């Protein structure tokens, strides 16, 4: 549960997005760097990461955010900042993706309160286990 000067809130977002063409490029050093950047952005913006899984071809991010940031802006922040930083750190990624755009323009976002938060966290953990066993 979060607190601001004028509010007490429990707003959680499950966000999923993928690289353009769903290319499986989020591995090894790229994955480590991306996880670090997502945590840094969350800390800077005052979001709390409840669960994070970077899969080779998509990301599951479950965060607690304040009521003053719209969901679309939260997604834009994460995708925009990580896209710029990842191309700077790994310029070879630009060659793998047409026109140097890292992320697909689409994404999924769902909301959750306290009760369903545990279910989403468990689902995200299971996605990683499923991906590891099938790949």
N, C-alpha and C. Protein backbone atom coordinates (compact mmCIF):
# COMPACT_ATOMS: atom_id res chain seq x y z
N UNK A 1 0.85 -1.17 0.00
CA UNK A 1 0.00 0.00 0.00
C UNK A 1 0.89 1.24 0.00
N UNK A 2 0.59 2.15 -0.89
CA UNK A 2 1.38 3.36 -1.00
C UNK A 2 0.73 4.54 -0.31
N UNK A 3 1.53 5.55 -0.07
CA UNK A 3 1.04 6.77 0.58
C UNK A 3 1.62 7.98 -0.13
N UNK A 4 0.79 8.98 -0.25
CA UNK A 4 1.21 10.28 -0.77
C UNK A 4 0.65 11.32 0.20
N UNK A 5 1.01 12.56 0.02
CA UNK A 5 0.56 13.59 0.95
C UNK A 5 -0.96 13.68 1.00
N UNK A 6 -1.62 13.33 -0.09
CA UNK A 6 -3.08 13.47 -0.11
C UNK A 6 -3.82 12.16 -0.39
N UNK A 7 -3.11 11.02 -0.34
CA UNK A 7 -3.78 9.77 -0.69
C UNK A 7 -3.09 8.55 -0.08
N UNK A 8 -3.89 7.56 0.19
CA UNK A 8 -3.41 6.22 0.49
C UNK A 8 -3.95 5.38 -0.66
N UNK A 9 -3.10 4.55 -1.26
CA UNK A 9 -3.53 3.85 -2.46
C UNK A 9 -2.97 2.44 -2.53
N UNK A 10 -3.64 1.63 -3.33
CA UNK A 10 -3.20 0.28 -3.63
C UNK A 10 -3.51 0.04 -5.10
N UNK A 11 -2.65 0.57 -5.95
CA UNK A 11 -2.83 0.48 -7.40
C UNK A 11 -1.67 -0.32 -7.97
N UNK A 12 -2.00 -1.47 -8.52
CA UNK A 12 -0.98 -2.35 -9.08
C UNK A 12 -1.29 -2.60 -10.55
N UNK A 13 -0.24 -2.58 -11.35
CA UNK A 13 -0.39 -2.82 -12.79
C UNK A 13 0.47 -4.00 -13.21
N UNK A 14 -0.13 -4.90 -13.97
CA UNK A 14 0.60 -5.98 -14.62
C UNK A 14 0.79 -5.53 -16.06
N UNK A 15 2.04 -5.32 -16.45
CA UNK A 15 2.36 -4.80 -17.78
C UNK A 15 3.18 -5.85 -18.52
N UNK A 16 2.81 -6.11 -19.75
CA UNK A 16 3.55 -7.06 -20.59
C UNK A 16 3.81 -6.38 -21.93
N UNK A 17 5.06 -6.44 -22.40
CA UNK A 17 5.38 -5.94 -23.73
C UNK A 17 6.53 -6.76 -24.30
N UNK A 18 6.75 -6.60 -25.60
CA UNK A 18 7.77 -7.42 -26.25
C UNK A 18 8.57 -6.60 -27.25
N UNK A 19 9.74 -7.12 -27.62
CA UNK A 19 10.52 -6.46 -28.66
C UNK A 19 9.77 -6.52 -30.00
N UNK A 20 10.11 -5.61 -30.86
CA UNK A 20 9.51 -5.58 -32.19
C UNK A 20 9.72 -6.95 -32.85
N UNK A 21 8.71 -7.41 -33.54
CA UNK A 21 8.69 -8.72 -34.20
C UNK A 21 8.82 -9.87 -33.20
N UNK A 22 8.64 -9.59 -31.95
CA UNK A 22 8.77 -10.57 -30.86
C UNK A 22 10.08 -11.37 -30.97
N UNK A 23 11.12 -10.64 -31.34
CA UNK A 23 12.44 -11.28 -31.47
C UNK A 23 12.95 -11.67 -30.08
N UNK A 24 13.55 -12.83 -30.00
CA UNK A 24 14.06 -13.36 -28.73
C UNK A 24 15.47 -12.81 -28.48
N UNK A 25 15.53 -11.51 -28.16
CA UNK A 25 16.83 -10.84 -27.98
C UNK A 25 17.11 -10.49 -26.52
N UNK A 26 16.17 -10.76 -25.62
CA UNK A 26 16.32 -10.35 -24.23
C UNK A 26 16.96 -11.49 -23.42
N UNK A 27 18.22 -11.75 -23.73
CA UNK A 27 18.94 -12.84 -23.09
C UNK A 27 20.30 -12.34 -22.59
N UNK A 28 20.89 -13.11 -21.72
CA UNK A 28 22.23 -12.90 -21.20
C UNK A 28 22.47 -11.47 -20.73
N UNK A 29 23.48 -10.81 -21.30
CA UNK A 29 23.84 -9.46 -20.84
C UNK A 29 22.74 -8.44 -21.13
N UNK A 30 22.02 -8.62 -22.22
CA UNK A 30 20.92 -7.72 -22.55
C UNK A 30 19.84 -7.83 -21.47
N UNK A 31 19.52 -9.05 -21.08
CA UNK A 31 18.52 -9.30 -20.04
C UNK A 31 18.96 -8.66 -18.71
N UNK A 32 20.20 -8.89 -18.32
CA UNK A 32 20.71 -8.34 -17.06
C UNK A 32 20.64 -6.81 -17.07
N UNK A 33 21.07 -6.21 -18.17
CA UNK A 33 21.05 -4.76 -18.27
C UNK A 33 19.62 -4.24 -18.21
N UNK A 34 18.70 -4.89 -18.93
CA UNK A 34 17.30 -4.46 -18.95
C UNK A 34 16.68 -4.56 -17.56
N UNK A 35 16.92 -5.65 -16.85
CA UNK A 35 16.39 -5.80 -15.49
C UNK A 35 16.89 -4.67 -14.60
N UNK A 36 18.17 -4.38 -14.70
CA UNK A 36 18.76 -3.30 -13.90
C UNK A 36 18.12 -1.95 -14.25
N UNK A 37 17.92 -1.70 -15.53
CA UNK A 37 17.31 -0.43 -15.96
C UNK A 37 15.86 -0.33 -15.49
N UNK A 38 15.11 -1.41 -15.57
CA UNK A 38 13.72 -1.39 -15.10
C UNK A 38 13.65 -1.09 -13.61
N UNK A 39 14.56 -1.68 -12.85
CA UNK A 39 14.59 -1.41 -11.40
C UNK A 39 14.99 0.04 -11.12
N UNK A 40 15.95 0.54 -11.86
CA UNK A 40 16.40 1.93 -11.69
C UNK A 40 15.27 2.91 -12.01
N UNK A 41 14.58 2.68 -13.12
CA UNK A 41 13.47 3.55 -13.50
C UNK A 41 12.39 3.50 -12.44
N UNK A 42 12.04 2.31 -11.98
CA UNK A 42 10.98 2.17 -10.96
C UNK A 42 11.36 2.94 -9.70
N UNK A 43 12.59 2.78 -9.26
CA UNK A 43 13.03 3.47 -8.05
C UNK A 43 12.99 4.99 -8.23
N UNK A 44 13.47 5.45 -9.37
CA UNK A 44 13.49 6.89 -9.66
C UNK A 44 12.08 7.48 -9.69
N UNK A 45 11.15 6.74 -10.26
CA UNK A 45 9.77 7.23 -10.41
C UNK A 45 8.89 6.94 -9.20
N UNK A 46 9.41 6.21 -8.23
CA UNK A 46 8.63 5.91 -7.03
C UNK A 46 7.68 4.75 -7.19
N UNK A 47 7.95 3.87 -8.17
CA UNK A 47 7.15 2.66 -8.35
C UNK A 47 7.81 1.53 -7.57
N UNK A 48 7.01 0.62 -7.08
CA UNK A 48 7.54 -0.54 -6.37
C UNK A 48 7.34 -1.76 -7.28
N UNK A 49 8.44 -2.44 -7.61
CA UNK A 49 8.33 -3.66 -8.42
C UNK A 49 7.92 -4.81 -7.51
N UNK A 50 6.77 -5.38 -7.81
CA UNK A 50 6.26 -6.52 -7.06
C UNK A 50 6.75 -7.84 -7.66
N UNK A 51 6.89 -7.86 -8.97
CA UNK A 51 7.39 -9.04 -9.68
C UNK A 51 7.93 -8.58 -11.03
N UNK A 52 9.03 -9.18 -11.46
CA UNK A 52 9.64 -8.83 -12.73
C UNK A 52 10.23 -10.09 -13.34
N UNK A 53 9.87 -10.35 -14.59
CA UNK A 53 10.46 -11.46 -15.33
C UNK A 53 10.74 -10.98 -16.75
N UNK A 54 12.00 -11.07 -17.14
CA UNK A 54 12.38 -10.77 -18.51
C UNK A 54 12.60 -12.10 -19.21
N UNK A 55 11.73 -12.41 -20.16
CA UNK A 55 11.81 -13.62 -20.95
C UNK A 55 12.54 -13.25 -22.25
N UNK A 56 13.01 -14.23 -23.02
CA UNK A 56 13.74 -13.89 -24.24
C UNK A 56 12.95 -13.00 -25.21
N UNK A 57 11.62 -13.15 -25.25
CA UNK A 57 10.84 -12.39 -26.23
C UNK A 57 9.72 -11.54 -25.63
N UNK A 58 9.69 -11.38 -24.32
CA UNK A 58 8.72 -10.48 -23.70
C UNK A 58 9.07 -10.22 -22.23
N UNK A 59 8.39 -9.23 -21.67
CA UNK A 59 8.63 -8.81 -20.29
C UNK A 59 7.31 -8.83 -19.53
N UNK A 60 7.36 -9.34 -18.30
CA UNK A 60 6.25 -9.22 -17.36
C UNK A 60 6.73 -8.30 -16.24
N UNK A 61 6.03 -7.22 -16.04
CA UNK A 61 6.37 -6.27 -14.98
C UNK A 61 5.11 -6.03 -14.16
N UNK A 62 5.18 -6.29 -12.88
CA UNK A 62 4.05 -6.08 -11.98
C UNK A 62 4.50 -5.05 -10.96
N UNK A 63 3.88 -3.88 -10.99
CA UNK A 63 4.33 -2.77 -10.14
C UNK A 63 3.18 -2.17 -9.35
N UNK A 64 3.57 -1.53 -8.27
CA UNK A 64 2.65 -0.66 -7.52
C UNK A 64 3.02 0.76 -7.93
N UNK A 65 2.02 1.52 -8.33
CA UNK A 65 2.27 2.89 -8.77
C UNK A 65 1.33 3.83 -8.02
N UNK A 66 1.64 5.11 -8.08
CA UNK A 66 0.79 6.09 -7.41
C UNK A 66 -0.38 6.47 -8.32
N UNK A 67 -1.42 7.04 -7.76
CA UNK A 67 -2.60 7.38 -8.56
C UNK A 67 -2.41 8.61 -9.44
N UNK A 68 -1.26 9.24 -9.37
CA UNK A 68 -1.03 10.46 -10.13
C UNK A 68 -0.42 10.20 -11.50
N UNK A 69 0.04 8.96 -11.74
CA UNK A 69 0.60 8.58 -13.03
C UNK A 69 -0.40 7.71 -13.79
N UNK A 70 -0.69 8.09 -15.02
CA UNK A 70 -1.63 7.29 -15.81
C UNK A 70 -0.93 6.02 -16.29
N UNK A 71 -1.67 4.95 -16.49
CA UNK A 71 -1.07 3.71 -16.97
C UNK A 71 -0.30 3.89 -18.29
N UNK A 72 -0.86 4.63 -19.22
CA UNK A 72 -0.18 4.83 -20.51
C UNK A 72 1.16 5.54 -20.33
N UNK A 73 1.22 6.50 -19.42
CA UNK A 73 2.49 7.19 -19.17
C UNK A 73 3.51 6.28 -18.51
N UNK A 74 3.05 5.39 -17.65
CA UNK A 74 3.96 4.44 -17.01
C UNK A 74 4.60 3.55 -18.08
N UNK A 75 3.78 3.04 -18.99
CA UNK A 75 4.29 2.20 -20.07
C UNK A 75 5.26 2.98 -20.94
N UNK A 76 4.88 4.21 -21.31
CA UNK A 76 5.76 5.04 -22.14
C UNK A 76 7.11 5.29 -21.46
N UNK A 77 7.09 5.51 -20.17
CA UNK A 77 8.33 5.74 -19.43
C UNK A 77 9.23 4.51 -19.51
N UNK A 78 8.69 3.34 -19.16
CA UNK A 78 9.50 2.13 -19.16
C UNK A 78 10.01 1.80 -20.56
N UNK A 79 9.12 1.83 -21.55
CA UNK A 79 9.53 1.47 -22.91
C UNK A 79 10.48 2.51 -23.51
N UNK A 80 10.18 3.78 -23.31
CA UNK A 80 10.99 4.84 -23.91
C UNK A 80 12.40 4.89 -23.35
N UNK A 81 12.52 4.89 -22.05
CA UNK A 81 13.84 4.99 -21.42
C UNK A 81 14.67 3.74 -21.69
N UNK A 82 14.06 2.56 -21.54
CA UNK A 82 14.84 1.34 -21.77
C UNK A 82 15.25 1.22 -23.24
N UNK A 83 14.38 1.61 -24.16
CA UNK A 83 14.74 1.55 -25.58
C UNK A 83 15.97 2.38 -25.88
N UNK A 84 15.99 3.61 -25.40
CA UNK A 84 17.14 4.49 -25.64
C UNK A 84 18.42 3.94 -25.01
N UNK A 85 18.30 3.52 -23.76
CA UNK A 85 19.48 3.05 -23.04
C UNK A 85 20.02 1.74 -23.59
N UNK A 86 19.12 0.88 -24.02
CA UNK A 86 19.58 -0.42 -24.55
C UNK A 86 20.27 -0.26 -25.90
N UNK A 87 19.77 0.62 -26.76
CA UNK A 87 20.44 0.85 -28.05
C UNK A 87 21.81 1.50 -27.83
N UNK A 88 21.91 2.34 -26.82
CA UNK A 88 23.20 2.96 -26.53
C UNK A 88 24.20 1.92 -26.01
N UNK A 89 23.74 1.04 -25.14
CA UNK A 89 24.61 0.01 -24.56
C UNK A 89 24.90 -1.13 -25.55
N UNK A 90 23.90 -1.49 -26.36
CA UNK A 90 24.03 -2.61 -27.30
C UNK A 90 23.64 -2.14 -28.70
N UNK A 91 24.51 -1.38 -29.37
CA UNK A 91 24.17 -0.84 -30.70
C UNK A 91 23.87 -1.92 -31.73
N UNK A 92 24.36 -3.14 -31.51
CA UNK A 92 24.08 -4.22 -32.45
C UNK A 92 22.59 -4.58 -32.50
N UNK A 93 21.83 -4.23 -31.46
CA UNK A 93 20.40 -4.51 -31.46
C UNK A 93 19.68 -3.74 -32.57
N UNK A 94 20.17 -2.54 -32.87
CA UNK A 94 19.53 -1.72 -33.91
C UNK A 94 19.57 -2.42 -35.26
N UNK A 95 20.62 -3.18 -35.51
CA UNK A 95 20.75 -3.87 -36.79
C UNK A 95 19.77 -5.04 -36.90
N UNK A 96 19.38 -5.59 -35.75
CA UNK A 96 18.45 -6.73 -35.74
C UNK A 96 16.99 -6.30 -35.89
N UNK A 97 16.73 -5.02 -35.65
CA UNK A 97 15.35 -4.53 -35.66
C UNK A 97 15.20 -3.44 -36.71
N UNK A 98 14.19 -3.55 -37.52
CA UNK A 98 13.93 -2.61 -38.59
C UNK A 98 13.74 -1.20 -38.05
N UNK A 99 14.42 -0.24 -38.64
CA UNK A 99 14.35 1.19 -38.28
C UNK A 99 14.79 1.50 -36.85
N UNK A 100 15.47 0.59 -36.22
CA UNK A 100 16.00 0.88 -34.90
C UNK A 100 14.96 1.14 -33.82
N UNK A 101 13.81 0.51 -33.93
CA UNK A 101 12.78 0.61 -32.89
C UNK A 101 12.83 -0.68 -32.08
N UNK A 102 13.08 -0.59 -30.79
CA UNK A 102 13.27 -1.78 -29.97
C UNK A 102 11.95 -2.47 -29.65
N UNK A 103 10.98 -1.71 -29.18
CA UNK A 103 9.75 -2.31 -28.65
C UNK A 103 8.60 -2.29 -29.65
N UNK A 104 7.82 -3.34 -29.61
CA UNK A 104 6.57 -3.37 -30.36
C UNK A 104 5.70 -2.23 -29.83
N UNK A 105 4.87 -1.61 -30.67
CA UNK A 105 4.03 -0.52 -30.17
C UNK A 105 2.91 -1.01 -29.24
N UNK A 106 2.61 -2.28 -29.26
CA UNK A 106 1.51 -2.79 -28.44
C UNK A 106 2.01 -3.24 -27.06
N UNK A 107 1.08 -3.42 -26.15
CA UNK A 107 1.39 -3.89 -24.81
C UNK A 107 0.09 -4.34 -24.16
N UNK A 108 0.23 -5.05 -23.06
CA UNK A 108 -0.92 -5.43 -22.24
C UNK A 108 -0.77 -4.73 -20.90
N UNK A 109 -1.87 -4.24 -20.36
CA UNK A 109 -1.84 -3.71 -18.99
C UNK A 109 -3.14 -4.11 -18.30
N UNK A 110 -2.99 -4.61 -17.09
CA UNK A 110 -4.13 -4.98 -16.28
C UNK A 110 -3.94 -4.42 -14.89
N UNK A 111 -5.03 -4.19 -14.20
CA UNK A 111 -4.95 -3.65 -12.85
C UNK A 111 -5.26 -4.75 -11.84
N UNK A 112 -4.75 -4.56 -10.64
CA UNK A 112 -4.99 -5.53 -9.58
C UNK A 112 -4.95 -4.83 -8.24
N UNK A 113 -5.82 -5.25 -7.37
CA UNK A 113 -5.79 -4.79 -5.98
C UNK A 113 -5.03 -5.80 -5.15
N UNK A 114 -5.21 -5.74 -3.86
CA UNK A 114 -4.46 -6.57 -2.93
C UNK A 114 -4.71 -8.06 -3.12
N UNK A 115 -5.96 -8.48 -3.22
CA UNK A 115 -6.28 -9.90 -3.28
C UNK A 115 -5.71 -10.54 -4.54
N UNK A 116 -5.88 -9.91 -5.67
CA UNK A 116 -5.42 -10.52 -6.92
C UNK A 116 -3.92 -10.33 -7.16
N UNK A 117 -3.27 -9.50 -6.39
CA UNK A 117 -1.84 -9.27 -6.59
C UNK A 117 -1.05 -10.56 -6.42
N UNK A 118 -1.37 -11.35 -5.42
CA UNK A 118 -0.66 -12.61 -5.20
C UNK A 118 -0.86 -13.56 -6.37
N UNK A 119 -2.05 -13.58 -6.93
CA UNK A 119 -2.34 -14.44 -8.07
C UNK A 119 -1.49 -14.03 -9.27
N UNK A 120 -1.38 -12.75 -9.52
CA UNK A 120 -0.58 -12.27 -10.66
C UNK A 120 0.89 -12.57 -10.43
N UNK A 121 1.39 -12.35 -9.22
CA UNK A 121 2.79 -12.64 -8.93
C UNK A 121 3.08 -14.12 -9.18
N UNK A 122 2.18 -15.01 -8.73
CA UNK A 122 2.37 -16.44 -8.94
C UNK A 122 2.32 -16.78 -10.43
N UNK A 123 1.40 -16.17 -11.17
CA UNK A 123 1.28 -16.39 -12.61
C UNK A 123 2.59 -16.01 -13.32
N UNK A 124 3.16 -14.87 -12.97
CA UNK A 124 4.40 -14.42 -13.62
C UNK A 124 5.53 -15.39 -13.31
N UNK A 125 5.64 -15.84 -12.07
CA UNK A 125 6.68 -16.82 -11.73
C UNK A 125 6.50 -18.11 -12.52
N UNK A 126 5.25 -18.55 -12.67
CA UNK A 126 4.96 -19.77 -13.43
C UNK A 126 5.30 -19.60 -14.91
N UNK A 127 5.14 -18.40 -15.46
CA UNK A 127 5.49 -18.16 -16.85
C UNK A 127 6.96 -18.42 -17.08
N UNK A 128 7.79 -18.00 -16.14
CA UNK A 128 9.22 -18.23 -16.29
C UNK A 128 9.53 -19.72 -16.23
N UNK A 129 8.92 -20.44 -15.30
CA UNK A 129 9.15 -21.89 -15.21
C UNK A 129 8.71 -22.58 -16.48
N UNK A 130 7.56 -22.17 -17.01
CA UNK A 130 7.04 -22.77 -18.24
C UNK A 130 7.99 -22.49 -19.41
N UNK A 131 8.47 -21.27 -19.50
CA UNK A 131 9.37 -20.89 -20.58
C UNK A 131 10.69 -21.66 -20.50
N UNK A 132 11.20 -21.83 -19.29
CA UNK A 132 12.46 -22.55 -19.13
C UNK A 132 12.33 -24.02 -19.47
N UNK A 133 11.18 -24.62 -19.14
CA UNK A 133 11.00 -26.05 -19.40
C UNK A 133 10.69 -26.34 -20.85
N UNK A 134 10.14 -25.34 -21.58
CA UNK A 134 9.80 -25.60 -22.97
C UNK A 134 10.86 -25.09 -23.94
N UNK A 135 11.85 -24.38 -23.44
CA UNK A 135 12.82 -23.80 -24.37
C UNK A 135 14.13 -24.31 -24.19
